[in-house]
């Protein structure tokens, strides 16, 4: 499993609704899930792997700068999308925890715990925001397909093709 984060957990705390006291051990798995499942499905495996590679290289090489088309895609399109998706995922993962004796809902000393329906409401709210950003990503990538050759197609059958939000498929063959 790849553990490279395309959005720093500190950004979620700074610009999102996640408080400073939430440990990164709760945030990072949600970031990885949002990237690996939601983002990869949206932009396709080839472009997703390219972005991971660029971020990994920036983290390991002292003077490496991500090329402009990819840095723009990351900062202006991918990060806002991931911010919303991670918060959506955390609405559910923050509600309950899996422990040795099963699922439990932690209760704080001074805070009232949100109900499951309130958590679901917030999850839907963040998913709606993420949908807006996902449409921005696809529109941007289509308009700039010459800058992102990885966006078109896939290398192997195991790769995910980029999601096409403009095509409706009903599953009925005439």
Protein backbone atom coordinates (compact mmCIF):
# COMPACT_ATOMS: atom_id res chain seq x y z
CA UNK A 1 0.00 0.00 0.00
CA UNK A 2 1.27 3.44 -0.90
CA UNK A 3 1.51 5.84 2.05
CA UNK A 4 2.42 8.99 0.13
CA UNK A 5 -0.03 11.78 1.00
CA UNK A 6 -1.12 14.19 -1.73
CA UNK A 7 -2.47 16.58 0.90
CA UNK A 8 -0.74 17.22 4.24
CA UNK A 9 -2.80 16.36 7.32
CA UNK A 10 -1.85 19.78 8.72
CA UNK A 11 -3.73 21.43 5.83
CA UNK A 12 -6.88 19.56 6.85
CA UNK A 13 -6.52 20.94 10.34
CA UNK A 14 -5.68 24.44 9.15
CA UNK A 15 -8.30 24.83 6.40
CA UNK A 16 -10.92 22.21 7.25
CA UNK A 17 -13.16 21.46 10.20
CA UNK A 18 -10.74 18.97 11.76
CA UNK A 19 -9.42 20.30 15.05
CA UNK A 20 -5.75 20.48 16.00
CA UNK A 21 -6.13 17.81 18.67
CA UNK A 22 -7.08 15.06 16.17
CA UNK A 23 -4.08 12.77 15.86
CA UNK A 24 -2.62 12.18 12.39
CA UNK A 25 -2.96 8.45 13.00
CA UNK A 26 -6.73 9.00 12.48
CA UNK A 27 -6.37 11.44 9.59
CA UNK A 28 -3.73 9.75 7.41
CA UNK A 29 -5.67 6.51 6.78
CA UNK A 30 -8.61 8.63 5.64
CA UNK A 31 -6.36 10.60 3.28
CA UNK A 32 -4.98 7.36 1.82
CA UNK A 33 -8.49 5.98 1.39
CA UNK A 34 -9.72 9.16 -0.32
CA UNK A 35 -6.71 9.11 -2.65
CA UNK A 36 -6.60 5.43 -3.42
CA UNK A 37 -10.32 4.85 -3.90
CA UNK A 38 -11.99 8.13 -4.81
CA UNK A 39 -9.25 10.14 -6.52
CA UNK A 40 -7.76 7.20 -8.44
CA UNK A 41 -11.22 6.32 -9.75
CA UNK A 42 -11.73 9.94 -10.80
CA UNK A 43 -8.44 10.60 -12.63
CA UNK A 44 -7.32 7.07 -13.52
CA UNK A 45 -4.43 4.96 -12.32
CA UNK A 46 -1.78 6.37 -14.68
CA UNK A 47 -2.23 10.00 -13.62
CA UNK A 48 -2.71 9.01 -9.98
CA UNK A 49 0.60 7.11 -9.98
CA UNK A 50 2.32 10.04 -11.70
CA UNK A 51 1.12 12.43 -8.99
CA UNK A 52 2.24 10.03 -6.23
CA UNK A 53 5.64 9.75 -7.91
CA UNK A 54 6.02 13.52 -8.15
CA UNK A 55 5.15 14.01 -4.46
CA UNK A 56 7.45 11.14 -3.40
CA UNK A 57 10.30 12.64 -5.39
CA UNK A 58 9.72 16.07 -3.80
CA UNK A 59 9.82 14.46 -0.35
CA UNK A 60 13.01 12.47 -0.99
CA UNK A 61 15.08 14.87 -3.13
CA UNK A 62 16.04 18.08 -1.42
CA UNK A 63 15.92 20.46 -4.40
CA UNK A 64 13.22 18.76 -6.48
CA UNK A 65 10.33 20.91 -7.66
CA UNK A 66 7.20 19.31 -9.08
CA UNK A 67 6.76 20.41 -12.73
CA UNK A 68 4.26 23.25 -13.11
CA UNK A 69 1.37 21.41 -14.74
CA UNK A 70 1.35 18.81 -11.95
CA UNK A 71 1.91 21.31 -9.14
CA UNK A 72 -1.06 23.36 -10.42
CA UNK A 73 -3.21 20.24 -10.66
CA UNK A 74 -2.26 19.25 -7.11
CA UNK A 75 -2.64 22.61 -5.39
CA UNK A 76 -5.62 24.09 -7.24
CA UNK A 77 -7.69 20.99 -8.02
CA UNK A 78 -6.65 17.80 -6.20
CA UNK A 79 -6.07 19.25 -2.71
CA UNK A 80 -9.49 21.00 -2.48
CA UNK A 81 -11.15 17.77 -3.65
CA UNK A 82 -9.24 15.65 -1.13
CA UNK A 83 -9.99 18.14 1.67
CA UNK A 84 -13.73 17.53 1.19
CA UNK A 85 -13.46 13.76 0.65
CA UNK A 86 -11.31 13.23 3.74
CA UNK A 87 -13.70 15.23 5.90
CA UNK A 88 -16.56 13.16 4.50
CA UNK A 89 -14.79 9.91 5.38
CA UNK A 90 -13.86 11.22 8.83
CA UNK A 91 -17.51 11.95 9.62
CA UNK A 92 -18.06 8.20 9.77
CA UNK A 93 -14.65 6.99 10.98
CA UNK A 94 -14.68 9.62 13.71
CA UNK A 95 -18.12 8.54 14.89
CA UNK A 96 -17.18 5.02 15.95
CA UNK A 97 -14.00 3.06 16.55
CA UNK A 98 -13.20 -0.62 16.21
CA UNK A 99 -11.75 -2.03 19.42
CA UNK A 100 -10.88 -5.48 20.74
CA UNK A 101 -14.41 -5.91 22.09
CA UNK A 102 -16.15 -4.60 18.93
CA UNK A 103 -17.46 -1.25 17.69
CA UNK A 104 -17.72 1.56 20.18
CA UNK A 105 -18.75 5.19 20.15
CA UNK A 106 -16.27 7.19 22.22
CA UNK A 107 -17.70 9.85 24.50
CA UNK A 108 -15.73 12.88 25.59
CA UNK A 109 -15.87 14.41 29.01
CA UNK A 110 -17.26 17.76 27.89
CA UNK A 111 -18.51 17.38 24.32
CA UNK A 112 -21.86 16.00 23.24
CA UNK A 113 -21.42 13.31 20.63
CA UNK A 114 -23.11 13.90 17.28
CA UNK A 115 -25.81 11.40 16.38
CA UNK A 116 -25.37 9.03 13.46
CA UNK A 117 -27.93 11.02 11.46
CA UNK A 118 -25.99 14.24 12.12
CA UNK A 119 -22.77 12.51 11.03
CA UNK A 120 -24.50 11.28 7.86
CA UNK A 121 -25.76 14.81 7.17
CA UNK A 122 -22.21 16.20 7.42
CA UNK A 123 -20.85 13.33 5.33
CA UNK A 124 -23.35 14.17 2.58
CA UNK A 125 -22.49 17.86 2.87
CA UNK A 126 -18.78 17.18 2.33
CA UNK A 127 -19.49 14.70 -0.48
CA UNK A 128 -21.52 17.41 -2.25
CA UNK A 129 -18.57 19.77 -2.02
CA UNK A 130 -16.24 17.01 -3.25
CA UNK A 131 -18.53 16.41 -6.24
CA UNK A 132 -18.16 20.06 -7.22
CA UNK A 133 -14.36 19.77 -7.04
CA UNK A 134 -14.38 16.46 -8.93
CA UNK A 135 -16.23 18.12 -11.81
CA UNK A 136 -13.68 20.95 -11.77
CA UNK A 137 -10.85 18.39 -11.97
CA UNK A 138 -12.38 16.57 -14.94
CA UNK A 139 -13.20 19.82 -16.77
CA UNK A 140 -9.65 21.11 -16.20
CA UNK A 141 -8.02 17.85 -17.30
CA UNK A 142 -10.11 17.67 -20.47
CA UNK A 143 -9.33 21.28 -21.33
CA UNK A 144 -5.61 20.66 -20.72
CA UNK A 145 -5.26 17.07 -21.91
CA UNK A 146 -2.07 18.01 -23.77
CA UNK A 147 -0.40 18.73 -20.39
CA UNK A 148 -1.50 15.43 -18.81
CA UNK A 149 -0.98 12.54 -21.24
CA UNK A 150 -1.48 10.09 -18.34
CA UNK A 151 -5.13 11.14 -18.12
CA UNK A 152 -6.08 9.36 -21.34
CA UNK A 153 -6.57 5.61 -21.27
CA UNK A 154 -4.84 3.02 -19.14
CA UNK A 155 -1.73 0.87 -19.47
CA UNK A 156 -3.13 -2.47 -18.36
CA UNK A 157 -6.50 -3.99 -17.66
CA UNK A 158 -5.72 -3.70 -13.94
CA UNK A 159 -5.52 0.11 -14.19
CA UNK A 160 -8.58 2.23 -13.58
CA UNK A 161 -9.63 4.41 -16.48
CA UNK A 162 -10.42 8.05 -15.69
CA UNK A 163 -14.01 8.60 -14.66
CA UNK A 164 -16.18 10.22 -17.30
CA UNK A 165 -18.87 12.22 -15.52
CA UNK A 166 -20.58 13.26 -18.75
CA UNK A 167 -21.52 9.77 -19.92
CA UNK A 168 -24.57 7.99 -18.62
CA UNK A 169 -24.76 4.23 -18.88
CA UNK A 170 -27.99 2.49 -17.99
CA UNK A 171 -26.76 -1.09 -18.24
CA UNK A 172 -29.38 -2.08 -20.80
CA UNK A 173 -28.16 -3.26 -24.18
CA UNK A 174 -30.52 -2.65 -27.07
